[in-house]
Amino acid sequence: MSPPDELLSAVNILQAEILLQTNQLSQLQTALPRLYLTGQDQPLKYYYEAILADKQNRNGAAARLYTRATQVLPYHEPTVLAAANFYATKQKQGNRAYEILLNSLTYNPHSAPIYKAYILKSVETGLAGFAETALMELAKLISPAEMNAFQQQYEQALARREAALGIR
């Protein structure tokens, strides 16, 4: 791969991110087929296509694209987090979201955002023991201040789960 090709690919990824973050979905949809991406960046098209389908409420297409995206990009935090969120919220498949996050941790064991999502999803799906183990790993990845802030989220998630089960 030549440096100009790599640079063009990086610029196109940045363009896609800007269009996505500024919610310019029609422009992203138009640009996506024409975006040049190098071989290693090509799988990102699945991510952008999945996000588009998700935001356009084309849930069947989004499910297929998120499945493909998480297969080829299990280490890519935005893909994994978006797919897990999609399955948890729009498909009401908390276990599928949990599986996506768990699988991603095998490829990206140093990702604090994925650990956080995994911990909260573990609690939500009734797997608090796994969440506690993951908390210990998360503590190695983030600052004590960030861990204290997340610990509050974790405690709130536990309380919600217990309340839903009628324990509290």
N, C-alpha and C. Protein backbone atom coordinates (compact mmCIF):
# COMPACT_ATOMS: atom_id res chain seq x y z
N MET A 1 0.85 -1.18 0.00
CA MET A 1 0.00 0.00 0.00
C MET A 1 0.90 1.24 0.00
N SER A 2 0.59 2.14 -0.86
CA SER A 2 1.40 3.36 -0.94
C SER A 2 0.90 4.38 0.07
N PRO A 3 1.79 5.24 0.53
CA PRO A 3 1.37 6.28 1.49
C PRO A 3 0.20 7.14 0.99
N PRO A 4 0.15 7.53 -0.30
CA PRO A 4 -1.02 8.31 -0.73
C PRO A 4 -2.35 7.53 -0.60
N ASP A 5 -2.29 6.21 -0.86
CA ASP A 5 -3.51 5.39 -0.72
C ASP A 5 -3.94 5.34 0.75
N GLU A 6 -2.98 5.15 1.63
CA GLU A 6 -3.29 5.10 3.06
C GLU A 6 -3.83 6.43 3.55
N LEU A 7 -3.27 7.51 3.06
CA LEU A 7 -3.74 8.84 3.44
C LEU A 7 -5.15 9.09 2.93
N LEU A 8 -5.42 8.70 1.68
CA LEU A 8 -6.76 8.87 1.13
C LEU A 8 -7.79 8.05 1.92
N SER A 9 -7.41 6.85 2.29
CA SER A 9 -8.29 6.01 3.09
C SER A 9 -8.57 6.67 4.44
N ALA A 10 -7.53 7.20 5.08
CA ALA A 10 -7.70 7.86 6.38
C ALA A 10 -8.59 9.09 6.26
N VAL A 11 -8.42 9.85 5.20
CA VAL A 11 -9.26 11.04 4.98
C VAL A 11 -10.70 10.63 4.76
N ASN A 12 -10.93 9.56 4.02
CA ASN A 12 -12.29 9.10 3.77
C ASN A 12 -12.97 8.58 5.03
N ILE A 13 -12.21 7.92 5.88
CA ILE A 13 -12.76 7.48 7.17
C ILE A 13 -13.14 8.69 8.01
N LEU A 14 -12.28 9.69 8.01
CA LEU A 14 -12.57 10.92 8.75
C LEU A 14 -13.83 11.59 8.20
N GLN A 15 -13.96 11.64 6.87
CA GLN A 15 -15.16 12.21 6.26
C GLN A 15 -16.40 11.44 6.69
N ALA A 16 -16.35 10.13 6.66
CA ALA A 16 -17.49 9.32 7.07
C ALA A 16 -17.84 9.57 8.53
N GLU A 17 -16.81 9.67 9.39
CA GLU A 17 -17.05 9.95 10.81
C GLU A 17 -17.71 11.30 11.01
N ILE A 18 -17.24 12.31 10.29
CA ILE A 18 -17.82 13.64 10.41
C ILE A 18 -19.28 13.62 9.97
N LEU A 19 -19.56 12.98 8.86
CA LEU A 19 -20.95 12.89 8.38
C LEU A 19 -21.82 12.15 9.40
N LEU A 20 -21.29 11.10 9.97
CA LEU A 20 -22.04 10.33 10.97
C LEU A 20 -22.27 11.15 12.23
N GLN A 21 -21.22 11.77 12.75
CA GLN A 21 -21.33 12.53 13.99
C GLN A 21 -22.20 13.77 13.86
N THR A 22 -22.28 14.32 12.66
CA THR A 22 -23.12 15.50 12.44
C THR A 22 -24.51 15.10 11.90
N ASN A 23 -24.77 13.80 11.92
CA ASN A 23 -26.07 13.25 11.53
C ASN A 23 -26.47 13.61 10.09
N GLN A 24 -25.50 13.70 9.23
CA GLN A 24 -25.74 13.95 7.81
C GLN A 24 -25.83 12.60 7.09
N LEU A 25 -26.91 11.89 7.42
CA LEU A 25 -27.04 10.51 6.98
C LEU A 25 -27.21 10.37 5.47
N SER A 26 -27.96 11.26 4.85
CA SER A 26 -28.15 11.14 3.41
C SER A 26 -26.82 11.37 2.68
N GLN A 27 -26.01 12.29 3.17
CA GLN A 27 -24.70 12.53 2.56
C GLN A 27 -23.79 11.31 2.77
N LEU A 28 -23.87 10.71 3.95
CA LEU A 28 -23.07 9.52 4.20
C LEU A 28 -23.50 8.38 3.29
N GLN A 29 -24.80 8.23 3.15
CA GLN A 29 -25.31 7.16 2.29
C GLN A 29 -24.86 7.36 0.84
N THR A 30 -24.84 8.61 0.38
CA THR A 30 -24.38 8.91 -0.98
C THR A 30 -22.88 8.69 -1.11
N ALA A 31 -22.12 9.10 -0.11
CA ALA A 31 -20.66 9.03 -0.17
C ALA A 31 -20.12 7.61 0.01
N LEU A 32 -20.79 6.82 0.80
CA LEU A 32 -20.25 5.52 1.20
C LEU A 32 -19.84 4.61 0.03
N PRO A 33 -20.66 4.45 -0.99
CA PRO A 33 -20.23 3.55 -2.08
C PRO A 33 -19.00 4.06 -2.83
N ARG A 34 -18.76 5.36 -2.78
CA ARG A 34 -17.65 5.95 -3.53
C ARG A 34 -16.39 6.14 -2.69
N LEU A 35 -16.46 5.88 -1.39
CA LEU A 35 -15.31 6.09 -0.52
C LEU A 35 -14.23 5.06 -0.83
N TYR A 36 -13.04 5.55 -1.11
CA TYR A 36 -11.90 4.65 -1.28
C TYR A 36 -11.36 4.30 0.09
N LEU A 37 -11.29 3.01 0.38
CA LEU A 37 -10.68 2.53 1.61
C LEU A 37 -9.68 1.44 1.26
N THR A 38 -8.53 1.47 1.92
CA THR A 38 -7.53 0.44 1.69
C THR A 38 -8.08 -0.91 2.15
N GLY A 39 -7.39 -1.97 1.80
CA GLY A 39 -7.84 -3.31 2.16
C GLY A 39 -8.12 -3.49 3.64
N GLN A 40 -7.23 -2.97 4.49
CA GLN A 40 -7.43 -3.13 5.93
C GLN A 40 -8.58 -2.28 6.45
N ASP A 41 -8.92 -1.22 5.73
CA ASP A 41 -10.02 -0.34 6.16
C ASP A 41 -11.36 -0.73 5.54
N GLN A 42 -11.36 -1.58 4.53
CA GLN A 42 -12.59 -1.97 3.83
C GLN A 42 -13.70 -2.45 4.76
N PRO A 43 -13.41 -3.26 5.79
CA PRO A 43 -14.49 -3.73 6.66
C PRO A 43 -15.27 -2.61 7.37
N LEU A 44 -14.67 -1.43 7.46
CA LEU A 44 -15.39 -0.32 8.10
C LEU A 44 -16.67 0.04 7.36
N LYS A 45 -16.75 -0.31 6.08
CA LYS A 45 -17.98 -0.03 5.34
C LYS A 45 -19.17 -0.77 5.96
N TYR A 46 -18.93 -1.98 6.48
CA TYR A 46 -20.02 -2.70 7.15
C TYR A 46 -20.52 -1.92 8.36
N TYR A 47 -19.60 -1.34 9.10
CA TYR A 47 -19.97 -0.53 10.26
C TYR A 47 -20.82 0.66 9.84
N TYR A 48 -20.37 1.41 8.85
CA TYR A 48 -21.11 2.59 8.42
C TYR A 48 -22.46 2.21 7.81
N GLU A 49 -22.51 1.13 7.06
CA GLU A 49 -23.78 0.67 6.49
C GLU A 49 -24.74 0.22 7.60
N ALA A 50 -24.21 -0.44 8.61
CA ALA A 50 -25.05 -0.88 9.74
C ALA A 50 -25.61 0.32 10.50
N ILE A 51 -24.76 1.29 10.76
CA ILE A 51 -25.22 2.50 11.45
C ILE A 51 -26.31 3.19 10.65
N LEU A 52 -26.11 3.31 9.35
CA LEU A 52 -27.12 3.94 8.50
C LEU A 52 -28.44 3.18 8.58
N ALA A 53 -28.39 1.88 8.43
CA ALA A 53 -29.62 1.08 8.49
C ALA A 53 -30.28 1.23 9.86
N ASP A 54 -29.49 1.22 10.90
CA ASP A 54 -30.00 1.37 12.26
C ASP A 54 -30.71 2.72 12.42
N LYS A 55 -30.05 3.79 12.03
CA LYS A 55 -30.62 5.13 12.20
C LYS A 55 -31.83 5.35 11.29
N GLN A 56 -31.93 4.59 10.21
CA GLN A 56 -33.07 4.70 9.30
C GLN A 56 -34.17 3.69 9.66
N ASN A 57 -34.01 3.03 10.80
CA ASN A 57 -34.98 2.04 11.30
C ASN A 57 -35.23 0.91 10.31
N ARG A 58 -34.21 0.54 9.56
CA ARG A 58 -34.26 -0.65 8.71
C ARG A 58 -33.63 -1.77 9.52
N ASN A 59 -34.41 -2.27 10.49
CA ASN A 59 -33.87 -3.17 11.50
C ASN A 59 -33.37 -4.51 10.94
N GLY A 60 -34.04 -5.05 9.94
CA GLY A 60 -33.57 -6.30 9.35
C GLY A 60 -32.20 -6.13 8.71
N ALA A 61 -32.06 -5.07 7.93
CA ALA A 61 -30.77 -4.80 7.29
C ALA A 61 -29.72 -4.48 8.35
N ALA A 62 -30.09 -3.72 9.36
CA ALA A 62 -29.14 -3.37 10.41
C ALA A 62 -28.65 -4.62 11.12
N ALA A 63 -29.55 -5.54 11.42
CA ALA A 63 -29.15 -6.78 12.10
C ALA A 63 -28.15 -7.56 11.26
N ARG A 64 -28.42 -7.71 9.98
CA ARG A 64 -27.49 -8.44 9.09
C ARG A 64 -26.14 -7.73 9.03
N LEU A 65 -26.18 -6.41 8.89
CA LEU A 65 -24.93 -5.65 8.76
C LEU A 65 -24.14 -5.61 10.07
N TYR A 66 -24.83 -5.47 11.19
CA TYR A 66 -24.12 -5.50 12.48
C TYR A 66 -23.50 -6.88 12.71
N THR A 67 -24.21 -7.92 12.35
CA THR A 67 -23.65 -9.27 12.49
C THR A 67 -22.37 -9.39 11.68
N ARG A 68 -22.43 -8.96 10.45
CA ARG A 68 -21.23 -9.02 9.59
C ARG A 68 -20.12 -8.11 10.13
N ALA A 69 -20.49 -6.91 10.55
CA ALA A 69 -19.50 -5.96 11.05
C ALA A 69 -18.79 -6.50 12.29
N THR A 70 -19.52 -7.11 13.20
CA THR A 70 -18.88 -7.62 14.41
C THR A 70 -18.04 -8.87 14.12
N GLN A 71 -18.35 -9.56 13.03
CA GLN A 71 -17.51 -10.70 12.64
C GLN A 71 -16.16 -10.23 12.11
N VAL A 72 -16.18 -9.17 11.30
CA VAL A 72 -14.93 -8.71 10.67
C VAL A 72 -14.22 -7.61 11.48
N LEU A 73 -14.92 -7.01 12.43
CA LEU A 73 -14.34 -5.94 13.25
C LEU A 73 -14.58 -6.17 14.75
N PRO A 74 -14.27 -7.35 15.28
CA PRO A 74 -14.59 -7.61 16.69
C PRO A 74 -13.76 -6.77 17.66
N TYR A 75 -12.72 -6.13 17.18
CA TYR A 75 -11.82 -5.31 17.99
C TYR A 75 -12.16 -3.81 17.90
N HIS A 76 -13.06 -3.44 16.99
CA HIS A 76 -13.38 -2.03 16.72
C HIS A 76 -14.46 -1.56 17.69
N GLU A 77 -14.06 -0.74 18.65
CA GLU A 77 -14.98 -0.33 19.72
C GLU A 77 -16.29 0.27 19.20
N PRO A 78 -16.25 1.23 18.28
CA PRO A 78 -17.53 1.80 17.84
C PRO A 78 -18.48 0.76 17.24
N THR A 79 -17.94 -0.18 16.48
CA THR A 79 -18.77 -1.23 15.88
C THR A 79 -19.40 -2.09 16.97
N VAL A 80 -18.60 -2.55 17.89
CA VAL A 80 -19.06 -3.44 18.94
C VAL A 80 -20.09 -2.75 19.83
N LEU A 81 -19.81 -1.53 20.23
CA LEU A 81 -20.74 -0.81 21.11
C LEU A 81 -22.05 -0.49 20.40
N ALA A 82 -21.98 -0.10 19.14
CA ALA A 82 -23.20 0.20 18.37
C ALA A 82 -24.02 -1.07 18.17
N ALA A 83 -23.36 -2.17 17.84
CA ALA A 83 -24.08 -3.43 17.62
C ALA A 83 -24.73 -3.91 18.92
N ALA A 84 -24.00 -3.85 20.01
CA ALA A 84 -24.56 -4.28 21.30
C ALA A 84 -25.75 -3.42 21.68
N ASN A 85 -25.63 -2.12 21.47
CA ASN A 85 -26.74 -1.22 21.77
C ASN A 85 -27.95 -1.53 20.89
N PHE A 86 -27.72 -1.76 19.61
CA PHE A 86 -28.80 -2.10 18.68
C PHE A 86 -29.55 -3.35 19.14
N TYR A 87 -28.81 -4.41 19.44
CA TYR A 87 -29.46 -5.66 19.84
C TYR A 87 -30.17 -5.52 21.19
N ALA A 88 -29.60 -4.75 22.10
CA ALA A 88 -30.21 -4.58 23.41
C ALA A 88 -31.47 -3.72 23.36
N THR A 89 -31.43 -2.64 22.57
CA THR A 89 -32.54 -1.69 22.60
C THR A 89 -33.58 -1.94 21.50
N LYS A 90 -33.14 -2.08 20.27
CA LYS A 90 -34.10 -2.20 19.17
C LYS A 90 -34.57 -3.62 18.95
N GLN A 91 -33.73 -4.59 19.22
CA GLN A 91 -34.11 -5.99 18.99
C GLN A 91 -34.54 -6.67 20.28
N LYS A 92 -34.34 -6.01 21.41
CA LYS A 92 -34.66 -6.57 22.73
C LYS A 92 -34.01 -7.94 22.92
N GLN A 93 -32.75 -8.04 22.48
CA GLN A 93 -31.97 -9.27 22.60
C GLN A 93 -30.74 -9.01 23.47
N GLY A 94 -31.00 -8.88 24.76
CA GLY A 94 -29.92 -8.60 25.70
C GLY A 94 -28.82 -9.65 25.68
N ASN A 95 -29.22 -10.91 25.52
CA ASN A 95 -28.21 -11.97 25.49
C ASN A 95 -27.31 -11.85 24.26
N ARG A 96 -27.88 -11.45 23.13
CA ARG A 96 -27.07 -11.26 21.92
C ARG A 96 -26.09 -10.10 22.14
N ALA A 97 -26.56 -9.03 22.76
CA ALA A 97 -25.68 -7.90 23.06
C ALA A 97 -24.54 -8.36 23.98
N TYR A 98 -24.87 -9.14 24.98
CA TYR A 98 -23.87 -9.67 25.91
C TYR A 98 -22.82 -10.49 25.14
N GLU A 99 -23.27 -11.37 24.24
CA GLU A 99 -22.36 -12.22 23.47
C GLU A 99 -21.41 -11.38 22.60
N ILE A 100 -21.94 -10.33 21.99
CA ILE A 100 -21.11 -9.46 21.15
C ILE A 100 -20.01 -8.82 22.00
N LEU A 101 -20.37 -8.33 23.16
CA LEU A 101 -19.39 -7.68 24.04
C LEU A 101 -18.37 -8.69 24.56
N LEU A 102 -18.83 -9.86 24.96
CA LEU A 102 -17.92 -10.89 25.46
C LEU A 102 -16.94 -11.31 24.36
N ASN A 103 -17.44 -11.54 23.17
CA ASN A 103 -16.59 -11.92 22.05
C ASN A 103 -15.54 -10.84 21.78
N SER A 104 -15.96 -9.61 21.83
CA SER A 104 -15.04 -8.51 21.55
C SER A 104 -13.91 -8.45 22.58
N LEU A 105 -14.21 -8.78 23.81
CA LEU A 105 -13.16 -8.73 24.84
C LEU A 105 -12.05 -9.74 24.57
N THR A 106 -12.34 -10.82 23.86
CA THR A 106 -11.28 -11.77 23.53
C THR A 106 -10.32 -11.17 22.51
N TYR A 107 -10.81 -10.27 21.67
CA TYR A 107 -9.99 -9.62 20.65
C TYR A 107 -9.40 -8.29 21.14
N ASN A 108 -10.05 -7.68 22.10
CA ASN A 108 -9.65 -6.35 22.56
C ASN A 108 -9.71 -6.31 24.09
N PRO A 109 -8.84 -7.07 24.75
CA PRO A 109 -8.94 -7.18 26.21
C PRO A 109 -8.50 -5.94 26.98
N HIS A 110 -8.07 -4.91 26.29
CA HIS A 110 -7.62 -3.69 26.96
C HIS A 110 -8.55 -2.51 26.68
N SER A 111 -9.77 -2.80 26.26
CA SER A 111 -10.73 -1.75 25.94
C SER A 111 -11.62 -1.45 27.14
N ALA A 112 -11.38 -0.33 27.77
CA ALA A 112 -12.21 0.07 28.91
C ALA A 112 -13.67 0.29 28.50
N PRO A 113 -13.95 0.96 27.36
CA PRO A 113 -15.37 1.14 26.99
C PRO A 113 -16.11 -0.18 26.79
N ILE A 114 -15.44 -1.16 26.21
CA ILE A 114 -16.11 -2.45 26.01
C ILE A 114 -16.27 -3.17 27.35
N TYR A 115 -15.28 -3.09 28.21
CA TYR A 115 -15.42 -3.67 29.55
C TYR A 115 -16.60 -3.05 30.30
N LYS A 116 -16.71 -1.74 30.23
CA LYS A 116 -17.81 -1.07 30.93
C LYS A 116 -19.16 -1.55 30.40
N ALA A 117 -19.29 -1.59 29.09
CA ALA A 117 -20.56 -2.05 28.50
C ALA A 117 -20.83 -3.51 28.87
N TYR A 118 -19.79 -4.32 28.86
CA TYR A 118 -19.92 -5.74 29.21
C TYR A 118 -20.37 -5.90 30.67
N ILE A 119 -19.79 -5.14 31.54
CA ILE A 119 -20.15 -5.22 32.97
C ILE A 119 -21.61 -4.85 33.17
N LEU A 120 -22.02 -3.74 32.59
CA LEU A 120 -23.41 -3.31 32.76
C LEU A 120 -24.38 -4.30 32.12
N LYS A 121 -24.02 -4.84 30.96
CA LYS A 121 -24.89 -5.83 30.30
C LYS A 121 -24.92 -7.13 31.10
N SER A 122 -23.81 -7.50 31.72
CA SER A 122 -23.77 -8.70 32.56
C SER A 122 -24.76 -8.57 33.72
N VAL A 123 -24.75 -7.42 34.35
CA VAL A 123 -25.68 -7.19 35.46
C VAL A 123 -27.11 -7.26 34.94
N GLU A 124 -27.38 -6.59 33.84
CA GLU A 124 -28.72 -6.54 33.27
C GLU A 124 -29.25 -7.92 32.90
N THR A 125 -28.37 -8.80 32.44
CA THR A 125 -28.81 -10.13 32.02
C THR A 125 -28.73 -11.15 33.15
N GLY A 126 -28.41 -10.69 34.37
CA GLY A 126 -28.41 -11.58 35.52
C GLY A 126 -27.12 -12.33 35.75
N LEU A 127 -26.04 -11.83 35.19
CA LEU A 127 -24.74 -12.49 35.32
C LEU A 127 -23.79 -11.62 36.15
N ALA A 128 -24.25 -11.26 37.35
CA ALA A 128 -23.49 -10.34 38.21
C ALA A 128 -22.13 -10.90 38.59
N GLY A 129 -22.00 -12.21 38.68
CA GLY A 129 -20.70 -12.80 39.01
C GLY A 129 -19.65 -12.48 37.95
N PHE A 130 -20.06 -12.57 36.69
CA PHE A 130 -19.15 -12.22 35.60
C PHE A 130 -18.81 -10.73 35.65
N ALA A 131 -19.80 -9.93 36.01
CA ALA A 131 -19.58 -8.49 36.10
C ALA A 131 -18.53 -8.18 37.17
N GLU A 132 -18.60 -8.86 38.30
CA GLU A 132 -17.64 -8.60 39.38
C GLU A 132 -16.22 -8.96 38.96
N THR A 133 -16.07 -10.06 38.25
CA THR A 133 -14.75 -10.45 37.74
C THR A 133 -14.23 -9.40 36.75
N ALA A 134 -15.11 -8.95 35.87
CA ALA A 134 -14.73 -7.95 34.88
C ALA A 134 -14.39 -6.61 35.53
N LEU A 135 -15.04 -6.30 36.64
CA LEU A 135 -14.72 -5.07 37.37
C LEU A 135 -13.25 -5.05 37.79
N MET A 136 -12.75 -6.19 38.20
CA MET A 136 -11.35 -6.26 38.62
C MET A 136 -10.42 -5.98 37.43
N GLU A 137 -10.78 -6.48 36.27
CA GLU A 137 -9.98 -6.22 35.07
C GLU A 137 -10.08 -4.75 34.66
N LEU A 138 -11.28 -4.21 34.73
CA LEU A 138 -11.47 -2.80 34.38
C LEU A 138 -10.63 -1.89 35.27
N ALA A 139 -10.54 -2.22 36.54
CA ALA A 139 -9.78 -1.40 37.48
C ALA A 139 -8.31 -1.29 37.07
N LYS A 140 -7.80 -2.28 36.35
CA LYS A 140 -6.42 -2.25 35.86
C LYS A 140 -6.25 -1.32 34.66
N LEU A 141 -7.36 -0.99 34.01
CA LEU A 141 -7.31 -0.24 32.75
C LEU A 141 -7.58 1.25 32.89
N ILE A 142 -8.22 1.65 33.98
CA ILE A 142 -8.64 3.05 34.10
C ILE A 142 -8.13 3.66 35.40
N SER A 143 -8.21 4.96 35.48
CA SER A 143 -7.74 5.66 36.68
C SER A 143 -8.67 5.39 37.86
N PRO A 144 -8.18 5.56 39.07
CA PRO A 144 -9.04 5.38 40.24
C PRO A 144 -10.27 6.30 40.22
N ALA A 145 -10.09 7.53 39.76
CA ALA A 145 -11.23 8.46 39.71
C ALA A 145 -12.29 7.96 38.73
N GLU A 146 -11.83 7.49 37.57
CA GLU A 146 -12.78 6.96 36.59
C GLU A 146 -13.44 5.68 37.11
N MET A 147 -12.68 4.88 37.84
CA MET A 147 -13.24 3.65 38.41
C MET A 147 -14.30 3.98 39.45
N ASN A 148 -14.06 4.99 40.27
CA ASN A 148 -15.06 5.39 41.27
C ASN A 148 -16.35 5.85 40.60
N ALA A 149 -16.22 6.62 39.52
CA ALA A 149 -17.40 7.08 38.79
C ALA A 149 -18.14 5.90 38.19
N PHE A 150 -17.40 4.95 37.61
CA PHE A 150 -18.07 3.79 37.02
C PHE A 150 -18.68 2.90 38.10
N GLN A 151 -18.04 2.81 39.22
CA GLN A 151 -18.57 2.00 40.33
C GLN A 151 -19.98 2.46 40.70
N GLN A 152 -20.22 3.76 40.63
CA GLN A 152 -21.57 4.28 40.92
C GLN A 152 -22.57 3.79 39.87
N GLN A 153 -22.16 3.82 38.60
CA GLN A 153 -23.03 3.30 37.54
C GLN A 153 -23.33 1.82 37.78
N TYR A 154 -22.30 1.09 38.14
CA TYR A 154 -22.43 -0.34 38.41
C TYR A 154 -23.41 -0.59 39.56
N GLU A 155 -23.25 0.15 40.64
CA GLU A 155 -24.15 0.00 41.80
C GLU A 155 -25.60 0.32 41.41
N GLN A 156 -25.79 1.34 40.59
CA GLN A 156 -27.13 1.69 40.13
C GLN A 156 -27.72 0.57 39.27
N ALA A 157 -26.89 -0.01 38.42
CA ALA A 157 -27.35 -1.12 37.58
C ALA A 157 -27.75 -2.32 38.44
N LEU A 158 -26.95 -2.61 39.46
CA LEU A 158 -27.30 -3.69 40.39
C LEU A 158 -28.62 -3.41 41.09
N ALA A 159 -28.80 -2.18 41.54
CA ALA A 159 -30.04 -1.81 42.23
C ALA A 159 -31.25 -1.95 41.31
N ARG A 160 -31.10 -1.51 40.04
CA ARG A 160 -32.20 -1.67 39.07
C ARG A 160 -32.53 -3.15 38.86
N ARG A 161 -31.52 -3.96 38.74
CA ARG A 161 -31.73 -5.39 38.52
C ARG A 161 -32.43 -6.02 39.71
N GLU A 162 -31.98 -5.67 40.90
CA GLU A 162 -32.59 -6.21 42.12
C GLU A 162 -34.03 -5.73 42.26
N ALA A 163 -34.29 -4.48 41.93
CA ALA A 163 -35.66 -3.96 42.00
C ALA A 163 -36.56 -4.66 40.99
N ALA A 164 -36.04 -4.91 39.81
CA ALA A 164 -36.82 -5.61 38.79
C ALA A 164 -37.16 -7.03 39.21
N LEU A 165 -36.29 -7.62 40.00
CA LEU A 165 -36.52 -8.99 40.49
C LEU A 165 -37.30 -9.01 41.80
N GLY A 166 -37.57 -7.83 42.34
CA GLY A 166 -38.30 -7.73 43.61
C GLY A 166 -37.46 -8.07 44.82
N ILE A 167 -36.15 -7.94 44.68
CA ILE A 167 -35.26 -8.26 45.81
C ILE A 167 -35.19 -7.12 46.79
N ARG A 168 -35.27 -5.89 46.30
CA ARG A 168 -35.21 -4.74 47.21
C ARG A 168 -36.57 -4.23 47.52
